[in-house]
Each structure stands twice: as structure tokens, then as C-alpha cells.
Amino acid sequence: MQNVQFAKKNSTFVPRKTKICVICVILCVNRSPDFILIEMPIENTRNTITLPEPSLRRLPWYLAYVKLLRDRGVEYVSSTQISKEINVDSSQIAKDLSFINITGKTRVGYEVASLVDALEAFLGFGEMHKAVIFGVGSLGAALLQDSGLAQYGMKVVAGFDVSPTVVHTRINGIPVYDVADFPRIQRELDAHIGILTVPVDMAQKACDDMIRGGVKAIWNFTPYRIKTPENIVVQNTSIYAHLAVMFNRLNHLEQDK
């Protein structure tokens, strides 16, 4: 493996035996906001890629758009065309793709089918990563219903709750178990991602239970800032925090009128 210096002091090293996992995209480096260091095997060697987190977050945008082009039968696309559709500078798009060794042809652009394959392979969206949901209320149940997650490499295999009204039922064909049965069920499932949608006062306990069961990454939808060991990947996605930002921006718009 070649030696690589961190581009910033706060960086994350993400070791992988194969491709980068979808965890690294949707649960992206909660503790290191600047650069991500990814190790990938190429032709029996181990190469290290230093990838800025904003670039990693943009890659799924590019993938979504070029998949639409592929479905329409488009063969080639330029970074300028992508730029017009997703409002990212064309030079930034080319730079982002170059980080993962994707280059286009002069005056032709990128071959759409090859670009889709390369992005899916890098992001790991072509392989499934099992997830469990703690808290099958309105939000948890909605996520169980969301079959679209599977398109991005996440397969929700079970839900866990304490309410007798949902325990031992199925939502979208996915079983819901009692939280007390998680250690036993998890030994069979071996899920590495935990989705947290419990009430705030239960967030830390549910988090601890998931970690004890072997969960390696937590997608936290509660407004509570859970505490985890350094080796656990966490992404906090509080709907209420996003609402606060939106309301604040709306207020500024009203004041500027």
C-alpha cells in the first residue's frame, strides 16, 4: 500500500477488502468533516484514494442523472451537460470523477453505460447491505415501506419495537420483532447498519443495544446526539433540525420582501 499523507488533520481512514460500502455515502464520516481516505484493492495491490467528503456526497447525484440518460438510450454525456441538469460546475464534476479514476474522452465526454457501471461499483450500490430499524412508529414504518432503499444497496431485513400493536407483524413483508429479541435475531441476521427512529428518551439505550449486537453504523433520525465508540459510523439526520433551517430561511425571505 502506498503511503499517503492526510490532506487535512481531521481525516477518516476507511479500510475495505472490496469496494467502498454504501455506509460511507449515506452514513458519511460523522467525526471527520473534511477528507476521507479509502483503501481499495486494484489488480492485487492496495491503493489509497484521498477523497473530499463533498465529492463523495455528489457522486450519487451524478449516478442518478446518468442512469436516467442510460434508460433513455443516451450513449455519451459531457460534464457540461451534467452540470446544466444538477447545478454543479462542470470543472467540479470532472474533478470529482477524476478522484476515482474516471476520465472522459476529448470532445466526446463520458460513455454513459460505463460511467453508470463505474459509479455503482465504486459506491457499492450493486451489493446489498443489511439494515435493521429500531422504532416502528410512523417514520420507522414508512422506511420499512420504502423499497427504494434497495436501489442504493440497503436492504432493511427487520424492524424492532416494544409496542404490542406492531410486534410480530409484517410491514411490506418485513418482520417486526420485540426489542428484547434483538440479540437472538441479530445473530441470525448479522445486519451491520442500524436505523434509529425511536423516541428521544430511548435513543441512547437503543443505540447501545444495536452496538452490542454487532451493528457497525447507525443512521440516527432522532434529534438526540447519541454517544458511540470511535469505531462506529454515525450519520445524524434529524428531520426537525432540517425543518428549523427551512423555517429560518423562509423567515429571511419574508423579511427581505
Foldseek 3Di string as FASTA:
>chain_A
DDDDDAPDPQEEEDEDAAAAELCCAPLNDPRGQFWYWYWHDDPNRIDIFIATNVLSNCLVVLLVVLVVVVVVVHFFDALVRSCVVPVDDSVVNQVSCVSQPDHADPPTHHGSVVSNVSSCRRSVLVAAAEEEEEACDPVNLVVLQPPVVNSRRYDYAEYEYQDPVQAQHDRPNHHYHHLVCCLVVCVVVVGQEYEYDHAPVCRQVSVVSVVVSHHQEYEYQYPDDHDDDPRHRYDYNHPVVVVVVVVVVVVVVVVVD
